[in-house]
All heavy atoms as atom14 arrays in JSON, in Angstrom:
{
  "sequence": "NYIDGKEEGPFVSYYESGKVKGEGHYVDGKEEGSFVFYYESGKVKG",
  "atom14_mask": [
    [1, 1, 1, 1, 1, 1, 1, 1, 0, 0, 0, 0, 0, 0],
    [1, 1, 1, 1, 1, 1, 1, 1, 1, 1, 1, 1, 0, 0],
    [1, 1, 1, 1, 1, 1, 1, 1, 0, 0, 0, 0, 0, 0],
    [1, 1, 1, 1, 1, 1, 1, 1, 0, 0, 0, 0, 0, 0],
    [1, 1, 1, 1, 0, 0, 0, 0, 0, 0, 0, 0, 0, 0],
    [1, 1, 1, 1, 1, 1, 1, 1, 1, 0, 0, 0, 0, 0],
    [1, 1, 1, 1, 1, 1, 1, 1, 1, 0, 0, 0, 0, 0],
    [1, 1, 1, 1, 1, 1, 1, 1, 1, 0, 0, 0, 0, 0],
    [1, 1, 1, 1, 0, 0, 0, 0, 0, 0, 0, 0, 0, 0],
    [1, 1, 1, 1, 1, 1, 1, 0, 0, 0, 0, 0, 0, 0],
    [1, 1, 1, 1, 1, 1, 1, 1, 1, 1, 1, 0, 0, 0],
    [1, 1, 1, 1, 1, 1, 1, 0, 0, 0, 0, 0, 0, 0],
    [1, 1, 1, 1, 1, 1, 0, 0, 0, 0, 0, 0, 0, 0],
    [1, 1, 1, 1, 1, 1, 1, 1, 1, 1, 1, 1, 0, 0],
    [1, 1, 1, 1, 1, 1, 1, 1, 1, 1, 1, 1, 0, 0],
    [1, 1, 1, 1, 1, 1, 1, 1, 1, 0, 0, 0, 0, 0],
    [1, 1, 1, 1, 1, 1, 0, 0, 0, 0, 0, 0, 0, 0],
    [1, 1, 1, 1, 0, 0, 0, 0, 0, 0, 0, 0, 0, 0],
    [1, 1, 1, 1, 1, 1, 1, 1, 1, 0, 0, 0, 0, 0],
    [1, 1, 1, 1, 1, 1, 1, 0, 0, 0, 0, 0, 0, 0],
    [1, 1, 1, 1, 1, 1, 1, 1, 1, 0, 0, 0, 0, 0],
    [1, 1, 1, 1, 0, 0, 0, 0, 0, 0, 0, 0, 0, 0],
    [1, 1, 1, 1, 1, 1, 1, 1, 1, 0, 0, 0, 0, 0],
    [1, 1, 1, 1, 0, 0, 0, 0, 0, 0, 0, 0, 0, 0],
    [1, 1, 1, 1, 1, 1, 1, 1, 1, 1, 0, 0, 0, 0],
    [1, 1, 1, 1, 1, 1, 1, 1, 1, 1, 1, 1, 0, 0],
    [1, 1, 1, 1, 1, 1, 1, 0, 0, 0, 0, 0, 0, 0],
    [1, 1, 1, 1, 1, 1, 1, 1, 0, 0, 0, 0, 0, 0],
    [1, 1, 1, 1, 0, 0, 0, 0, 0, 0, 0, 0, 0, 0],
    [1, 1, 1, 1, 1, 1, 1, 1, 1, 0, 0, 0, 0, 0],
    [1, 1, 1, 1, 1, 1, 1, 1, 1, 0, 0, 0, 0, 0],
    [1, 1, 1, 1, 1, 1, 1, 1, 1, 0, 0, 0, 0, 0],
    [1, 1, 1, 1, 0, 0, 0, 0, 0, 0, 0, 0, 0, 0],
    [1, 1, 1, 1, 1, 1, 0, 0, 0, 0, 0, 0, 0, 0],
    [1, 1, 1, 1, 1, 1, 1, 1, 1, 1, 1, 0, 0, 0],
    [1, 1, 1, 1, 1, 1, 1, 0, 0, 0, 0, 0, 0, 0],
    [1, 1, 1, 1, 1, 1, 1, 1, 1, 1, 1, 0, 0, 0],
    [1, 1, 1, 1, 1, 1, 1, 1, 1, 1, 1, 1, 0, 0],
    [1, 1, 1, 1, 1, 1, 1, 1, 1, 1, 1, 1, 0, 0],
    [1, 1, 1, 1, 1, 1, 1, 1, 1, 0, 0, 0, 0, 0],
    [1, 1, 1, 1, 1, 1, 0, 0, 0, 0, 0, 0, 0, 0],
    [1, 1, 1, 1, 0, 0, 0, 0, 0, 0, 0, 0, 0, 0],
    [1, 1, 1, 1, 1, 1, 1, 1, 1, 0, 0, 0, 0, 0],
    [1, 1, 1, 1, 1, 1, 1, 0, 0, 0, 0, 0, 0, 0],
    [1, 1, 1, 1, 1, 1, 1, 1, 1, 0, 0, 0, 0, 0],
    [1, 1, 1, 1, 0, 0, 0, 0, 0, 0, 0, 0, 0, 0]
  ],
  "atom14_positions": [
    [[7.06, 6.74, -1.14], [8.12, 7.76, -0.88], [8.96, 7.35, 0.34], [8.48, 6.7, 1.31], [7.5, 9.16, -0.58], [6.86, 9.72, -1.9], [7.45, 9.54, -2.98], [5.84, 10.58, -1.77], [0.0, 0.0, 0.0], [0.0, 0.0, 0.0], [0.0, 0.0, 0.0], [0.0, 0.0, 0.0], [0.0, 0.0, 0.0], [0.0, 0.0, 0.0]],
    [[10.18, 7.75, 0.3], [11.07, 7.65, 1.55], [11.58, 8.99, 1.96], [11.76, 9.89, 1.03], [12.29, 6.79, 1.21], [11.99, 5.32, 1.18], [11.27, 4.68, 0.21], [12.51, 4.56, 2.25], [11.03, 3.4, 0.18], [12.27, 3.13, 2.25], [11.56, 2.62, 1.21], [11.38, 1.26, 1.19], [0.0, 0.0, 0.0], [0.0, 0.0, 0.0]],
    [[11.58, 9.29, 3.21], [12.19, 10.54, 3.73], [13.44, 10.04, 4.68], [13.15, 9.33, 5.7], [11.23, 11.31, 4.51], [10.11, 11.99, 3.58], [11.98, 12.51, 5.24], [9.18, 12.76, 4.35], [0.0, 0.0, 0.0], [0.0, 0.0, 0.0], [0.0, 0.0, 0.0], [0.0, 0.0, 0.0], [0.0, 0.0, 0.0], [0.0, 0.0, 0.0]],
    [[14.53, 10.46, 4.31], [15.77, 10.07, 5.07], [15.84, 8.51, 5.23], [16.23, 8.09, 6.26], [15.91, 10.79, 6.34], [16.05, 12.21, 6.17], [16.54, 12.68, 5.18], [15.72, 13.0, 7.18], [0.0, 0.0, 0.0], [0.0, 0.0, 0.0], [0.0, 0.0, 0.0], [0.0, 0.0, 0.0], [0.0, 0.0, 0.0], [0.0, 0.0, 0.0]],
    [[15.48, 7.82, 4.18], [15.61, 6.37, 4.24], [14.51, 5.6, 4.8], [14.57, 4.37, 4.92], [0.0, 0.0, 0.0], [0.0, 0.0, 0.0], [0.0, 0.0, 0.0], [0.0, 0.0, 0.0], [0.0, 0.0, 0.0], [0.0, 0.0, 0.0], [0.0, 0.0, 0.0], [0.0, 0.0, 0.0], [0.0, 0.0, 0.0], [0.0, 0.0, 0.0]],
    [[13.48, 6.28, 5.29], [12.31, 5.64, 6.01], [10.99, 5.84, 5.11], [10.82, 6.97, 4.61], [12.08, 6.22, 7.44], [13.26, 5.91, 8.36], [12.97, 6.47, 9.77], [14.06, 6.16, 10.71], [13.73, 6.63, 12.08], [0.0, 0.0, 0.0], [0.0, 0.0, 0.0], [0.0, 0.0, 0.0], [0.0, 0.0, 0.0], [0.0, 0.0, 0.0]],
    [[10.16, 4.87, 5.02], [8.88, 4.93, 4.39], [8.15, 6.09, 5.03], [7.94, 6.11, 6.19], [8.18, 3.65, 4.45], [8.89, 2.44, 3.82], [9.75, 1.7, 4.89], [9.94, 2.31, 5.98], [9.86, 0.45, 4.76], [0.0, 0.0, 0.0], [0.0, 0.0, 0.0], [0.0, 0.0, 0.0], [0.0, 0.0, 0.0], [0.0, 0.0, 0.0]],
    [[7.47, 6.83, 4.1], [6.64, 7.92, 4.65], [5.52, 8.13, 3.65], [5.77, 8.38, 2.37], [7.42, 9.17, 4.69], [6.74, 10.33, 5.47], [6.58, 10.07, 6.94], [7.39, 9.42, 7.52], [5.61, 10.59, 7.46], [0.0, 0.0, 0.0], [0.0, 0.0, 0.0], [0.0, 0.0, 0.0], [0.0, 0.0, 0.0], [0.0, 0.0, 0.0]],
    [[4.31, 8.19, 4.15], [3.17, 8.55, 3.29], [2.61, 7.15, 2.77], [2.82, 6.13, 3.13], [0.0, 0.0, 0.0], [0.0, 0.0, 0.0], [0.0, 0.0, 0.0], [0.0, 0.0, 0.0], [0.0, 0.0, 0.0], [0.0, 0.0, 0.0], [0.0, 0.0, 0.0], [0.0, 0.0, 0.0], [0.0, 0.0, 0.0], [0.0, 0.0, 0.0]],
    [[1.7, 7.42, 1.64], [1.12, 6.23, 1.06], [2.0, 5.36, 0.16], [2.75, 5.88, -0.46], [-0.05, 6.81, 0.1], [0.55, 8.22, -0.18], [1.29, 8.61, 1.07], [0.0, 0.0, 0.0], [0.0, 0.0, 0.0], [0.0, 0.0, 0.0], [0.0, 0.0, 0.0], [0.0, 0.0, 0.0], [0.0, 0.0, 0.0], [0.0, 0.0, 0.0]],
    [[1.78, 4.06, 0.36], [2.41, 3.03, -0.44], [1.4, 2.17, -1.2], [0.44, 1.76, -0.52], [3.41, 2.08, 0.29], [4.75, 2.6, 0.56], [4.96, 3.67, 1.44], [5.82, 2.14, -0.18], [6.29, 4.28, 1.62], [7.04, 2.69, 0.0], [7.4, 3.64, 0.97], [0.0, 0.0, 0.0], [0.0, 0.0, 0.0], [0.0, 0.0, 0.0]],
    [[1.68, 1.99, -2.51], [0.62, 1.26, -3.28], [1.33, 0.12, -4.06], [2.41, 0.4, -4.62], [-0.13, 2.1, -4.25], [-1.21, 1.29, -4.92], [-0.81, 3.31, -3.44], [0.0, 0.0, 0.0], [0.0, 0.0, 0.0], [0.0, 0.0, 0.0], [0.0, 0.0, 0.0], [0.0, 0.0, 0.0], [0.0, 0.0, 0.0], [0.0, 0.0, 0.0]],
    [[0.82, -1.05, -4.09], [1.34, -2.16, -4.95], [0.26, -2.45, -5.97], [-0.97, -2.23, -5.74], [1.65, -3.39, -4.1], [0.52, -3.93, -3.39], [0.0, 0.0, 0.0], [0.0, 0.0, 0.0], [0.0, 0.0, 0.0], [0.0, 0.0, 0.0], [0.0, 0.0, 0.0], [0.0, 0.0, 0.0], [0.0, 0.0, 0.0], [0.0, 0.0, 0.0]],
    [[0.72, -2.96, -7.19], [-0.18, -3.17, -8.22], [0.01, -4.62, -8.88], [1.18, -5.2, -8.84], [0.16, -2.22, -9.36], [0.01, -0.74, -8.98], [0.99, -0.09, -8.57], [-1.33, -0.04, -9.09], [0.95, 1.21, -8.12], [-1.47, 1.21, -8.68], [-0.32, 1.88, -8.2], [-0.43, 3.23, -7.84], [0.0, 0.0, 0.0], [0.0, 0.0, 0.0]],
    [[-1.04, -5.17, -9.49], [-1.05, -6.35, -10.26], [-0.34, -5.91, -11.56], [-0.32, -4.64, -11.99], [-2.35, -6.93, -10.53], [-2.9, -7.64, -9.29], [-3.9, -6.98, -8.46], [-2.46, -8.95, -8.94], [-4.43, -7.64, -7.37], [-3.04, -9.56, -7.85], [-3.98, -8.9, -6.99], [-4.51, -9.51, -5.95], [0.0, 0.0, 0.0], [0.0, 0.0, 0.0]],
    [[0.1, -6.87, -12.38], [0.61, -6.52, -13.7], [-0.39, -5.95, -14.6], [-0.08, -5.14, -15.49], [1.27, -7.72, -14.26], [2.17, -7.55, -15.49], [3.05, -8.69, -15.76], [2.99, -9.77, -15.08], [3.8, -8.67, -16.74], [0.0, 0.0, 0.0], [0.0, 0.0, 0.0], [0.0, 0.0, 0.0], [0.0, 0.0, 0.0], [0.0, 0.0, 0.0]],
    [[-1.64, -6.12, -14.26], [-2.72, -5.49, -15.17], [-2.97, -4.03, -14.91], [-3.64, -3.35, -15.54], [-4.05, -6.25, -14.78], [-4.48, -6.05, -13.41], [0.0, 0.0, 0.0], [0.0, 0.0, 0.0], [0.0, 0.0, 0.0], [0.0, 0.0, 0.0], [0.0, 0.0, 0.0], [0.0, 0.0, 0.0], [0.0, 0.0, 0.0], [0.0, 0.0, 0.0]],
    [[-2.33, -3.58, -13.74], [-2.44, -2.19, -13.3], [-3.48, -2.0, -12.25], [-3.62, -0.92, -11.6], [0.0, 0.0, 0.0], [0.0, 0.0, 0.0], [0.0, 0.0, 0.0], [0.0, 0.0, 0.0], [0.0, 0.0, 0.0], [0.0, 0.0, 0.0], [0.0, 0.0, 0.0], [0.0, 0.0, 0.0], [0.0, 0.0, 0.0], [0.0, 0.0, 0.0]],
    [[-4.18, -3.09, -11.92], [-5.1, -3.05, -10.74], [-4.34, -3.0, -9.42], [-3.29, -3.56, -9.27], [-5.97, -4.32, -10.76], [-6.89, -4.45, -12.1], [-7.9, -3.43, -12.15], [-8.88, -3.69, -13.34], [-9.6, -4.91, -13.32], [0.0, 0.0, 0.0], [0.0, 0.0, 0.0], [0.0, 0.0, 0.0], [0.0, 0.0, 0.0], [0.0, 0.0, 0.0]],
    [[-4.92, -2.21, -8.46], [-4.25, -2.14, -7.23], [-4.3, -3.48, -6.45], [-5.31, -4.06, -6.33], [-5.08, -1.13, -6.27], [-4.46, -0.98, -4.87], [-4.84, 0.29, -7.0], [0.0, 0.0, 0.0], [0.0, 0.0, 0.0], [0.0, 0.0, 0.0], [0.0, 0.0, 0.0], [0.0, 0.0, 0.0], [0.0, 0.0, 0.0], [0.0, 0.0, 0.0]],
    [[-3.14, -3.87, -5.9], [-2.99, -5.14, -5.2], [-3.08, -4.83, -3.64], [-3.68, -5.61, -2.83], [-1.77, -5.79, -5.53], [-1.51, -7.08, -4.77], [-0.18, -7.66, -5.01], [-0.14, -8.43, -6.37], [1.16, -9.09, -6.6], [0.0, 0.0, 0.0], [0.0, 0.0, 0.0], [0.0, 0.0, 0.0], [0.0, 0.0, 0.0], [0.0, 0.0, 0.0]],
    [[-2.42, -3.87, -3.22], [-2.47, -3.44, -1.74], [-2.12, -2.0, -1.56], [-1.47, -1.34, -2.37], [0.0, 0.0, 0.0], [0.0, 0.0, 0.0], [0.0, 0.0, 0.0], [0.0, 0.0, 0.0], [0.0, 0.0, 0.0], [0.0, 0.0, 0.0], [0.0, 0.0, 0.0], [0.0, 0.0, 0.0], [0.0, 0.0, 0.0], [0.0, 0.0, 0.0]],
    [[-2.64, -1.43, -0.48], [-2.38, -0.01, -0.15], [-2.36, 0.27, 1.26], [-3.15, -0.43, 2.08], [-3.3, 0.86, -0.9], [-4.76, 0.62, -0.58], [-5.77, 1.46, -1.47], [-5.29, 2.37, -2.14], [-6.93, 1.19, -1.41], [0.0, 0.0, 0.0], [0.0, 0.0, 0.0], [0.0, 0.0, 0.0], [0.0, 0.0, 0.0], [0.0, 0.0, 0.0]],
    [[-1.5, 1.15, 1.72], [-1.33, 1.45, 3.17], [-0.6, 2.72, 3.33], [0.06, 3.23, 2.41], [0.0, 0.0, 0.0], [0.0, 0.0, 0.0], [0.0, 0.0, 0.0], [0.0, 0.0, 0.0], [0.0, 0.0, 0.0], [0.0, 0.0, 0.0], [0.0, 0.0, 0.0], [0.0, 0.0, 0.0], [0.0, 0.0, 0.0], [0.0, 0.0, 0.0]],
    [[-0.47, 3.17, 4.49], [0.24, 4.44, 4.85], [1.32, 4.24, 5.88], [1.15, 3.4, 6.87], [-0.82, 5.41, 5.4], [-0.29, 6.86, 5.47], [-0.44, 7.74, 4.34], [0.3, 7.61, 6.48], [0.06, 8.81, 4.79], [0.52, 8.81, 5.93], [0.0, 0.0, 0.0], [0.0, 0.0, 0.0], [0.0, 0.0, 0.0], [0.0, 0.0, 0.0]],
    [[2.45, 4.87, 5.79], [3.55, 4.76, 6.71], [3.93, 6.16, 7.25], [3.77, 7.2, 6.61], [4.81, 4.32, 5.95], [4.77, 2.9, 5.67], [4.01, 2.26, 4.61], [5.5, 1.93, 6.31], [3.95, 1.01, 4.32], [5.57, 0.54, 6.16], [4.76, 0.08, 5.1], [4.7, -1.28, 4.86], [0.0, 0.0, 0.0], [0.0, 0.0, 0.0]],
    [[4.34, 6.11, 8.53], [4.74, 7.28, 9.23], [6.14, 7.0, 9.8], [6.19, 6.04, 10.71], [3.78, 7.79, 10.38], [4.39, 8.97, 11.05], [2.42, 8.26, 9.61], [0.0, 0.0, 0.0], [0.0, 0.0, 0.0], [0.0, 0.0, 0.0], [0.0, 0.0, 0.0], [0.0, 0.0, 0.0], [0.0, 0.0, 0.0], [0.0, 0.0, 0.0]],
    [[7.24, 7.61, 9.53], [8.6, 7.48, 10.09], [8.92, 5.99, 10.01], [9.5, 5.36, 10.9], [8.58, 7.98, 11.59], [9.95, 8.06, 12.0], [10.88, 8.4, 11.25], [10.2, 7.98, 13.29], [0.0, 0.0, 0.0], [0.0, 0.0, 0.0], [0.0, 0.0, 0.0], [0.0, 0.0, 0.0], [0.0, 0.0, 0.0], [0.0, 0.0, 0.0]],
    [[8.59, 5.35, 8.86], [8.99, 3.97, 8.66], [8.22, 2.84, 9.18], [8.49, 1.65, 9.15], [0.0, 0.0, 0.0], [0.0, 0.0, 0.0], [0.0, 0.0, 0.0], [0.0, 0.0, 0.0], [0.0, 0.0, 0.0], [0.0, 0.0, 0.0], [0.0, 0.0, 0.0], [0.0, 0.0, 0.0], [0.0, 0.0, 0.0], [0.0, 0.0, 0.0]],
    [[7.05, 3.24, 9.75], [6.18, 2.28, 10.34], [4.69, 2.36, 9.86], [4.31, 3.5, 9.51], [6.14, 2.52, 11.93], [7.4, 2.37, 12.57], [7.31, 2.57, 14.15], [8.58, 2.42, 14.82], [8.55, 2.65, 16.28], [0.0, 0.0, 0.0], [0.0, 0.0, 0.0], [0.0, 0.0, 0.0], [0.0, 0.0, 0.0], [0.0, 0.0, 0.0]],
    [[4.08, 1.27, 9.68], [2.66, 1.19, 9.24], [1.91, 1.99, 10.24], [1.97, 1.95, 11.45], [2.2, -0.16, 9.14], [2.87, -1.12, 8.33], [3.93, -1.98, 8.96], [4.44, -1.53, 10.11], [4.22, -3.05, 8.51], [0.0, 0.0, 0.0], [0.0, 0.0, 0.0], [0.0, 0.0, 0.0], [0.0, 0.0, 0.0], [0.0, 0.0, 0.0]],
    [[0.97, 2.76, 9.6], [0.01, 3.63, 10.47], [-1.34, 3.74, 9.73], [-1.46, 4.08, 8.55], [0.63, 5.02, 10.64], [-0.13, 5.86, 11.63], [0.09, 5.39, 13.02], [1.21, 4.86, 13.34], [-0.94, 5.33, 13.95], [0.0, 0.0, 0.0], [0.0, 0.0, 0.0], [0.0, 0.0, 0.0], [0.0, 0.0, 0.0], [0.0, 0.0, 0.0]],
    [[-2.35, 3.31, 10.41], [-3.66, 3.4, 9.82], [-4.13, 2.13, 9.14], [-3.52, 1.09, 9.34], [0.0, 0.0, 0.0], [0.0, 0.0, 0.0], [0.0, 0.0, 0.0], [0.0, 0.0, 0.0], [0.0, 0.0, 0.0], [0.0, 0.0, 0.0], [0.0, 0.0, 0.0], [0.0, 0.0, 0.0], [0.0, 0.0, 0.0], [0.0, 0.0, 0.0]],
    [[-5.07, 2.26, 8.24], [-5.64, 1.07, 7.58], [-4.82, 0.63, 6.41], [-4.23, 1.4, 5.56], [-6.97, 1.5, 6.96], [-7.91, 1.85, 8.06], [0.0, 0.0, 0.0], [0.0, 0.0, 0.0], [0.0, 0.0, 0.0], [0.0, 0.0, 0.0], [0.0, 0.0, 0.0], [0.0, 0.0, 0.0], [0.0, 0.0, 0.0], [0.0, 0.0, 0.0]],
    [[-4.67, -0.69, 6.18], [-4.03, -1.37, 5.14], [-5.24, -2.29, 4.54], [-5.82, -2.96, 5.19], [-2.91, -2.22, 5.62], [-1.59, -1.48, 5.72], [-1.43, -0.53, 6.63], [-0.57, -1.6, 4.87], [-0.33, 0.25, 6.89], [0.65, -1.03, 4.9], [0.76, 0.01, 5.9], [0.0, 0.0, 0.0], [0.0, 0.0, 0.0], [0.0, 0.0, 0.0]],
    [[-5.21, -2.16, 3.17], [-6.17, -2.96, 2.46], [-5.56, -3.7, 1.25], [-4.68, -3.22, 0.64], [-7.36, -2.09, 1.81], [-8.45, -2.94, 1.28], [-7.94, -1.33, 3.0], [0.0, 0.0, 0.0], [0.0, 0.0, 0.0], [0.0, 0.0, 0.0], [0.0, 0.0, 0.0], [0.0, 0.0, 0.0], [0.0, 0.0, 0.0], [0.0, 0.0, 0.0]],
    [[-5.93, -4.89, 1.14], [-5.42, -5.78, 0.02], [-6.45, -6.23, -0.87], [-7.59, -6.61, -0.35], [-4.45, -6.91, 0.61], [-3.55, -6.46, 1.61], [-3.79, -6.44, 2.98], [-2.23, -6.03, 1.12], [-2.96, -5.99, 3.84], [-1.37, -5.46, 2.02], [-1.66, -5.48, 3.38], [0.0, 0.0, 0.0], [0.0, 0.0, 0.0], [0.0, 0.0, 0.0]],
    [[-6.25, -6.43, -2.16], [-7.32, -6.71, -3.12], [-6.93, -7.85, -3.99], [-5.87, -8.13, -4.31], [-7.51, -5.53, -4.06], [-7.82, -4.19, -3.34], [-6.83, -3.37, -2.87], [-9.15, -3.77, -3.03], [-7.14, -2.16, -2.28], [-9.48, -2.68, -2.27], [-8.31, -1.9, -2.0], [-8.63, -0.72, -1.25], [0.0, 0.0, 0.0], [0.0, 0.0, 0.0]],
    [[-8.06, -8.62, -4.4], [-7.9, -9.42, -5.49], [-7.83, -8.68, -6.84], [-8.14, -7.44, -6.84], [-9.05, -10.43, -5.6], [-9.2, -11.44, -4.48], [-10.03, -11.16, -3.4], [-8.5, -12.55, -4.51], [-10.19, -12.16, -2.4], [-8.68, -13.57, -3.54], [-9.42, -13.33, -2.43], [-9.51, -14.2, -1.43], [0.0, 0.0, 0.0], [0.0, 0.0, 0.0]],
    [[-7.33, -9.4, -7.9], [-7.23, -8.57, -9.17], [-8.56, -8.08, -9.66], [-8.65, -7.09, -10.41], [-6.46, -9.47, -10.12], [-5.98, -8.62, -11.33], [-5.02, -9.4, -12.22], [-4.71, -10.61, -11.92], [-4.43, -8.83, -13.15], [0.0, 0.0, 0.0], [0.0, 0.0, 0.0], [0.0, 0.0, 0.0], [0.0, 0.0, 0.0], [0.0, 0.0, 0.0]],
    [[-9.68, -8.74, -9.25], [-10.94, -8.34, -9.62], [-11.39, -7.04, -8.93], [-12.39, -6.41, -9.36], [-11.92, -9.47, -9.16], [-11.99, -9.57, -7.85], [0.0, 0.0, 0.0], [0.0, 0.0, 0.0], [0.0, 0.0, 0.0], [0.0, 0.0, 0.0], [0.0, 0.0, 0.0], [0.0, 0.0, 0.0], [0.0, 0.0, 0.0], [0.0, 0.0, 0.0]],
    [[-10.64, -6.64, -7.94], [-11.04, -5.39, -7.26], [-11.63, -5.76, -5.92], [-11.85, -4.86, -5.08], [0.0, 0.0, 0.0], [0.0, 0.0, 0.0], [0.0, 0.0, 0.0], [0.0, 0.0, 0.0], [0.0, 0.0, 0.0], [0.0, 0.0, 0.0], [0.0, 0.0, 0.0], [0.0, 0.0, 0.0], [0.0, 0.0, 0.0], [0.0, 0.0, 0.0]],
    [[-12.05, -7.02, -5.68], [-12.67, -7.4, -4.37], [-11.63, -7.37, -3.4], [-10.39, -7.71, -3.48], [-13.3, -8.77, -4.45], [-14.33, -8.92, -5.66], [-15.65, -8.21, -5.18], [-16.76, -8.5, -6.15], [-17.13, -9.99, -6.23], [0.0, 0.0, 0.0], [0.0, 0.0, 0.0], [0.0, 0.0, 0.0], [0.0, 0.0, 0.0], [0.0, 0.0, 0.0]],
    [[-12.06, -6.97, -2.1], [-11.08, -6.93, -1.01], [-10.73, -8.28, -0.62], [-11.51, -9.12, -0.29], [-11.79, -6.21, 0.23], [-10.83, -6.15, 1.46], [-12.16, -4.77, -0.19], [0.0, 0.0, 0.0], [0.0, 0.0, 0.0], [0.0, 0.0, 0.0], [0.0, 0.0, 0.0], [0.0, 0.0, 0.0], [0.0, 0.0, 0.0], [0.0, 0.0, 0.0]],
    [[-9.4, -8.52, -0.46], [-8.83, -9.83, -0.04], [-8.56, -9.79, 1.57], [-8.73, -10.84, 2.22], [-7.46, -10.01, -0.64], [-6.73, -11.32, -0.18], [-5.41, -11.56, -0.83], [-5.6, -11.91, -2.29], [-4.31, -12.27, -2.9], [0.0, 0.0, 0.0], [0.0, 0.0, 0.0], [0.0, 0.0, 0.0], [0.0, 0.0, 0.0], [0.0, 0.0, 0.0]],
    [[-8.22, -8.7, 2.12], [-8.0, -8.58, 3.57], [-7.85, -7.09, 4.0], [-7.49, -6.23, 3.2], [0.0, 0.0, 0.0], [0.0, 0.0, 0.0], [0.0, 0.0, 0.0], [0.0, 0.0, 0.0], [0.0, 0.0, 0.0], [0.0, 0.0, 0.0], [0.0, 0.0, 0.0], [0.0, 0.0, 0.0], [0.0, 0.0, 0.0], [0.0, 0.0, 0.0]]
  ]
}
């Protein structure tokens, strides 16, 4: 989601298979809190 053109709340990216690739949270357009990235297998990449 964007609020007034700035990222706000959770952002999620996906592999083409539908598996989650990365997820994190934004506040007023800036990263805030934990960010996690995954292999397509579901194992944590970083």
